[in-house]
N, C-alpha and C. Protein backbone atom coordinates (compact mmCIF):
# COMPACT_ATOMS: atom_id res chain seq x y z
N MET A 1 109.73 62.00 116.74
CA MET A 1 109.29 63.11 115.92
C MET A 1 107.83 63.40 116.21
N ASN A 2 107.52 64.67 116.38
CA ASN A 2 106.13 65.08 116.56
C ASN A 2 105.49 65.20 115.19
N THR A 3 104.34 64.56 115.00
CA THR A 3 103.66 64.69 113.72
C THR A 3 102.63 65.81 113.71
N PRO A 4 101.84 66.00 114.78
CA PRO A 4 100.91 67.14 114.74
C PRO A 4 101.62 68.42 115.18
N TYR A 5 101.09 69.53 114.74
CA TYR A 5 101.60 70.82 115.20
C TYR A 5 101.09 71.06 116.61
N ALA A 6 101.89 71.72 117.43
CA ALA A 6 101.50 72.01 118.81
C ALA A 6 100.25 72.90 118.81
N GLU A 7 99.31 72.56 119.68
CA GLU A 7 98.10 73.38 119.79
C GLU A 7 98.41 74.73 120.42
N VAL A 8 99.35 74.74 121.35
CA VAL A 8 99.77 75.98 122.01
C VAL A 8 101.27 76.11 121.77
N GLU A 9 101.66 77.21 121.11
CA GLU A 9 103.08 77.38 120.85
C GLU A 9 103.81 77.82 122.11
N PRO A 10 105.06 77.38 122.28
CA PRO A 10 105.81 77.84 123.43
C PRO A 10 106.14 79.32 123.29
N THR A 11 106.45 79.95 124.38
CA THR A 11 106.87 81.35 124.33
C THR A 11 108.34 81.41 123.94
N ARG A 12 108.79 82.57 123.53
CA ARG A 12 110.21 82.72 123.19
C ARG A 12 111.07 82.48 124.43
N ALA A 13 110.61 82.91 125.59
CA ALA A 13 111.36 82.68 126.82
C ALA A 13 111.51 81.19 127.10
N GLU A 14 110.46 80.40 126.85
CA GLU A 14 110.54 78.95 127.06
C GLU A 14 111.54 78.32 126.09
N VAL A 15 111.53 78.77 124.84
CA VAL A 15 112.48 78.25 123.85
C VAL A 15 113.90 78.63 124.22
N ASP A 16 114.11 79.88 124.61
CA ASP A 16 115.44 80.34 124.99
C ASP A 16 115.98 79.60 126.21
N ALA A 17 115.08 79.09 127.06
CA ALA A 17 115.48 78.40 128.29
C ALA A 17 115.76 76.91 128.07
N LEU A 18 115.55 76.40 126.87
CA LEU A 18 115.81 74.98 126.62
C LEU A 18 117.26 74.66 126.89
N ARG A 19 117.53 73.57 127.56
CA ARG A 19 118.90 73.17 127.88
C ARG A 19 119.24 71.82 127.25
N GLN A 20 118.67 71.58 126.10
CA GLN A 20 118.95 70.36 125.36
C GLN A 20 118.92 70.71 123.88
N PRO A 21 119.53 69.88 123.05
CA PRO A 21 119.44 70.13 121.61
C PRO A 21 117.98 70.07 121.17
N ALA A 22 117.61 70.97 120.28
CA ALA A 22 116.21 71.01 119.85
C ALA A 22 116.11 71.45 118.39
N LEU A 23 115.08 70.95 117.74
CA LEU A 23 114.72 71.36 116.39
C LEU A 23 113.36 72.05 116.49
N LEU A 24 113.33 73.30 116.13
CA LEU A 24 112.11 74.09 116.13
C LEU A 24 111.65 74.18 114.68
N GLU A 25 110.52 73.53 114.38
CA GLU A 25 109.99 73.47 113.01
C GLU A 25 108.78 74.39 112.89
N PHE A 26 108.86 75.37 111.98
CA PHE A 26 107.74 76.27 111.73
C PHE A 26 107.10 75.89 110.40
N GLY A 27 105.78 75.81 110.37
CA GLY A 27 105.06 75.49 109.13
C GLY A 27 103.57 75.45 109.39
N THR A 28 102.86 74.82 108.46
CA THR A 28 101.41 74.63 108.61
C THR A 28 101.06 73.25 108.07
N PRO A 29 99.94 72.68 108.51
CA PRO A 29 99.57 71.36 108.02
C PRO A 29 99.15 71.35 106.55
N TRP A 30 98.75 72.49 105.99
CA TRP A 30 98.28 72.53 104.61
C TRP A 30 99.39 72.91 103.62
N CYS A 31 100.57 73.23 104.10
CA CYS A 31 101.69 73.66 103.24
C CYS A 31 102.33 72.47 102.54
N GLY A 32 102.35 72.51 101.22
CA GLY A 32 102.96 71.42 100.44
C GLY A 32 104.45 71.26 100.71
N TRP A 33 105.16 72.38 100.85
CA TRP A 33 106.59 72.32 101.17
C TRP A 33 106.80 71.64 102.53
N CYS A 34 105.93 71.96 103.49
CA CYS A 34 106.04 71.38 104.83
C CYS A 34 105.81 69.88 104.80
N ARG A 35 104.80 69.46 104.07
CA ARG A 35 104.51 68.02 103.97
C ARG A 35 105.65 67.29 103.27
N ALA A 36 106.23 67.90 102.24
CA ALA A 36 107.33 67.27 101.51
C ALA A 36 108.57 67.13 102.39
N ALA A 37 108.75 68.03 103.34
CA ALA A 37 109.94 68.00 104.20
C ALA A 37 109.83 66.97 105.33
N GLN A 38 108.64 66.45 105.60
CA GLN A 38 108.47 65.56 106.75
C GLN A 38 109.39 64.33 106.72
N PRO A 39 109.54 63.63 105.59
CA PRO A 39 110.45 62.48 105.60
C PRO A 39 111.90 62.88 105.87
N LEU A 40 112.31 64.06 105.40
CA LEU A 40 113.68 64.53 105.62
C LEU A 40 113.91 64.81 107.10
N ILE A 41 112.92 65.45 107.72
CA ILE A 41 113.01 65.77 109.15
C ILE A 41 113.00 64.49 109.97
N ALA A 42 112.12 63.56 109.61
CA ALA A 42 112.03 62.29 110.34
C ALA A 42 113.35 61.53 110.28
N ALA A 43 113.98 61.51 109.11
CA ALA A 43 115.26 60.81 108.96
C ALA A 43 116.33 61.45 109.83
N GLY A 44 116.37 62.78 109.85
CA GLY A 44 117.36 63.46 110.68
C GLY A 44 117.14 63.21 112.16
N LEU A 45 115.89 63.23 112.59
CA LEU A 45 115.59 62.99 114.00
C LEU A 45 115.85 61.54 114.39
N ALA A 46 115.65 60.61 113.47
CA ALA A 46 115.92 59.20 113.77
C ALA A 46 117.39 58.97 114.07
N GLU A 47 118.26 59.73 113.41
CA GLU A 47 119.70 59.61 113.62
C GLU A 47 120.16 60.35 114.89
N HIS A 48 119.31 61.22 115.41
CA HIS A 48 119.66 62.05 116.57
C HIS A 48 118.51 62.04 117.58
N PRO A 49 118.31 60.91 118.27
CA PRO A 49 117.16 60.80 119.17
C PRO A 49 117.21 61.73 120.38
N GLN A 50 118.37 62.30 120.66
CA GLN A 50 118.49 63.21 121.80
C GLN A 50 117.94 64.61 121.49
N VAL A 51 117.62 64.87 120.22
CA VAL A 51 117.14 66.19 119.81
C VAL A 51 115.63 66.28 120.04
N ARG A 52 115.23 67.27 120.79
CA ARG A 52 113.80 67.52 121.03
C ARG A 52 113.22 68.20 119.80
N HIS A 53 112.04 67.75 119.38
CA HIS A 53 111.37 68.30 118.20
C HIS A 53 110.15 69.12 118.63
N LEU A 54 110.16 70.39 118.30
CA LEU A 54 109.03 71.28 118.57
C LEU A 54 108.44 71.70 117.24
N LYS A 55 107.25 71.26 116.95
CA LYS A 55 106.59 71.55 115.68
C LYS A 55 105.54 72.62 115.93
N VAL A 56 105.78 73.81 115.38
CA VAL A 56 104.95 74.97 115.68
C VAL A 56 104.24 75.46 114.43
N GLU A 57 102.90 75.53 114.50
CA GLU A 57 102.15 76.09 113.38
C GLU A 57 102.39 77.59 113.34
N ASP A 58 102.72 78.10 112.17
CA ASP A 58 103.08 79.49 112.03
C ASP A 58 102.03 80.22 111.19
N GLY A 59 102.06 81.52 111.25
CA GLY A 59 101.16 82.34 110.45
C GLY A 59 101.11 83.75 111.01
N PRO A 60 100.32 84.61 110.37
CA PRO A 60 100.21 86.00 110.84
C PRO A 60 99.76 86.04 112.31
N GLY A 61 100.40 86.91 113.05
CA GLY A 61 100.03 87.08 114.45
C GLY A 61 100.61 86.04 115.39
N ARG A 62 101.44 85.16 114.88
CA ARG A 62 102.06 84.15 115.74
C ARG A 62 103.41 84.69 116.22
N PRO A 63 103.52 85.02 117.49
CA PRO A 63 104.71 85.73 117.97
C PRO A 63 106.01 84.94 117.90
N LEU A 64 105.97 83.64 118.10
CA LEU A 64 107.23 82.88 118.10
C LEU A 64 107.89 82.91 116.73
N GLY A 65 107.11 82.67 115.69
CA GLY A 65 107.65 82.73 114.34
C GLY A 65 108.20 84.10 113.99
N ARG A 66 107.50 85.14 114.43
CA ARG A 66 107.98 86.50 114.15
C ARG A 66 109.29 86.77 114.89
N SER A 67 109.41 86.24 116.11
CA SER A 67 110.63 86.50 116.89
C SER A 67 111.84 85.82 116.26
N PHE A 68 111.62 84.76 115.47
CA PHE A 68 112.70 84.08 114.76
C PHE A 68 112.83 84.56 113.31
N GLY A 69 112.01 85.53 112.91
CA GLY A 69 112.12 86.07 111.56
C GLY A 69 111.69 85.10 110.47
N VAL A 70 110.75 84.22 110.77
CA VAL A 70 110.28 83.23 109.81
C VAL A 70 109.47 83.93 108.71
N LYS A 71 109.83 83.63 107.47
CA LYS A 71 109.12 84.21 106.32
C LYS A 71 108.59 83.13 105.37
N LEU A 72 109.27 81.99 105.29
CA LEU A 72 108.85 80.89 104.43
C LEU A 72 108.73 79.62 105.25
N TRP A 73 107.89 78.72 104.77
CA TRP A 73 107.70 77.42 105.45
C TRP A 73 108.20 76.30 104.57
N PRO A 74 108.66 75.24 105.15
CA PRO A 74 109.03 75.15 106.55
C PRO A 74 110.35 75.86 106.81
N THR A 75 110.46 76.41 107.99
CA THR A 75 111.73 76.92 108.48
C THR A 75 112.11 76.06 109.67
N LEU A 76 113.30 75.50 109.61
CA LEU A 76 113.82 74.65 110.68
C LEU A 76 114.92 75.41 111.39
N VAL A 77 114.75 75.60 112.69
CA VAL A 77 115.74 76.29 113.50
C VAL A 77 116.32 75.25 114.46
N PHE A 78 117.63 75.07 114.39
CA PHE A 78 118.33 74.08 115.20
C PHE A 78 118.96 74.81 116.38
N LEU A 79 118.64 74.36 117.60
CA LEU A 79 119.04 75.05 118.82
C LEU A 79 119.91 74.17 119.71
N GLU A 80 120.85 74.80 120.35
CA GLU A 80 121.64 74.17 121.41
C GLU A 80 121.63 75.13 122.59
N ASP A 81 121.17 74.66 123.74
CA ASP A 81 121.03 75.50 124.94
C ASP A 81 120.24 76.77 124.64
N GLY A 82 119.19 76.65 123.84
CA GLY A 82 118.30 77.77 123.54
C GLY A 82 118.84 78.77 122.53
N LYS A 83 120.01 78.48 121.97
CA LYS A 83 120.61 79.39 120.99
C LYS A 83 120.65 78.75 119.61
N GLU A 84 120.35 79.54 118.60
CA GLU A 84 120.33 79.05 117.23
C GLU A 84 121.75 78.74 116.76
N VAL A 85 121.94 77.51 116.24
CA VAL A 85 123.24 77.13 115.69
C VAL A 85 123.15 76.84 114.19
N ALA A 86 121.93 76.63 113.69
CA ALA A 86 121.75 76.39 112.26
C ALA A 86 120.30 76.68 111.92
N ARG A 87 120.07 76.93 110.61
CA ARG A 87 118.72 77.21 110.11
C ARG A 87 118.62 76.68 108.69
N LEU A 88 117.50 76.04 108.40
CA LEU A 88 117.19 75.60 107.04
C LEU A 88 115.81 76.12 106.67
N VAL A 89 115.71 76.66 105.47
CA VAL A 89 114.43 77.09 104.95
C VAL A 89 114.15 76.25 103.71
N ARG A 90 113.02 75.56 103.73
CA ARG A 90 112.63 74.66 102.64
C ARG A 90 113.77 73.70 102.27
N PRO A 91 114.14 72.83 103.22
CA PRO A 91 115.25 71.91 102.95
C PRO A 91 114.97 71.06 101.73
N ASP A 92 116.01 70.86 100.93
CA ASP A 92 115.83 70.13 99.67
C ASP A 92 116.42 68.72 99.69
N GLY A 93 116.91 68.29 100.82
CA GLY A 93 117.45 66.94 100.87
C GLY A 93 117.78 66.53 102.30
N ALA A 94 117.86 65.22 102.49
CA ALA A 94 118.17 64.69 103.82
C ALA A 94 119.56 65.10 104.27
N ALA A 95 120.49 65.27 103.33
CA ALA A 95 121.86 65.64 103.69
C ALA A 95 121.90 67.00 104.38
N ALA A 96 121.09 67.94 103.93
CA ALA A 96 121.07 69.27 104.54
C ALA A 96 120.57 69.19 105.98
N VAL A 97 119.53 68.40 106.20
CA VAL A 97 118.99 68.25 107.55
C VAL A 97 120.03 67.55 108.43
N GLN A 98 120.66 66.52 107.90
CA GLN A 98 121.67 65.78 108.66
C GLN A 98 122.84 66.70 109.04
N GLN A 99 123.29 67.52 108.11
CA GLN A 99 124.40 68.44 108.39
C GLN A 99 124.03 69.43 109.49
N ALA A 100 122.81 69.94 109.46
CA ALA A 100 122.36 70.87 110.50
C ALA A 100 122.27 70.16 111.85
N MET A 101 121.81 68.91 111.85
CA MET A 101 121.76 68.13 113.10
C MET A 101 123.16 67.95 113.67
N GLU A 102 124.13 67.73 112.81
CA GLU A 102 125.50 67.56 113.26
C GLU A 102 126.05 68.85 113.86
N GLN A 103 125.57 69.99 113.42
CA GLN A 103 126.00 71.26 114.02
C GLN A 103 125.51 71.38 115.45
N ILE A 104 124.36 70.79 115.75
CA ILE A 104 123.88 70.76 117.15
C ILE A 104 124.84 69.92 117.96
N ASP A 105 125.23 68.75 117.42
CA ASP A 105 126.15 67.87 118.14
C ASP A 105 127.49 68.56 118.41
N ALA A 106 127.93 69.38 117.46
CA ALA A 106 129.24 70.04 117.59
C ALA A 106 129.21 71.23 118.53
N ALA A 107 128.02 71.77 118.76
CA ALA A 107 127.92 72.99 119.59
C ALA A 107 128.22 72.72 121.05
């Protein structure tokens, strides 16, 4: 699991070109919802070590978040071969994260 947010966000083309399961996490370091979700995300990633974690700081003028229609933080986008298979906004429990991770496995 990546703990710091990426200093340089990937481009949408780079994300679309991913050929492995991935979790794209949008948020900010000062967001209380984002901080509260960290243990849930960590637990899900621990169960699925093959999933790449991309932690992207979001905000006005950030093109990647806009291209995914992010409006609230954290928004978790679960990808298989660069395509969205699940999305969670402000996850409220480890079970929701685990279920979304399993959708990557099923894709």
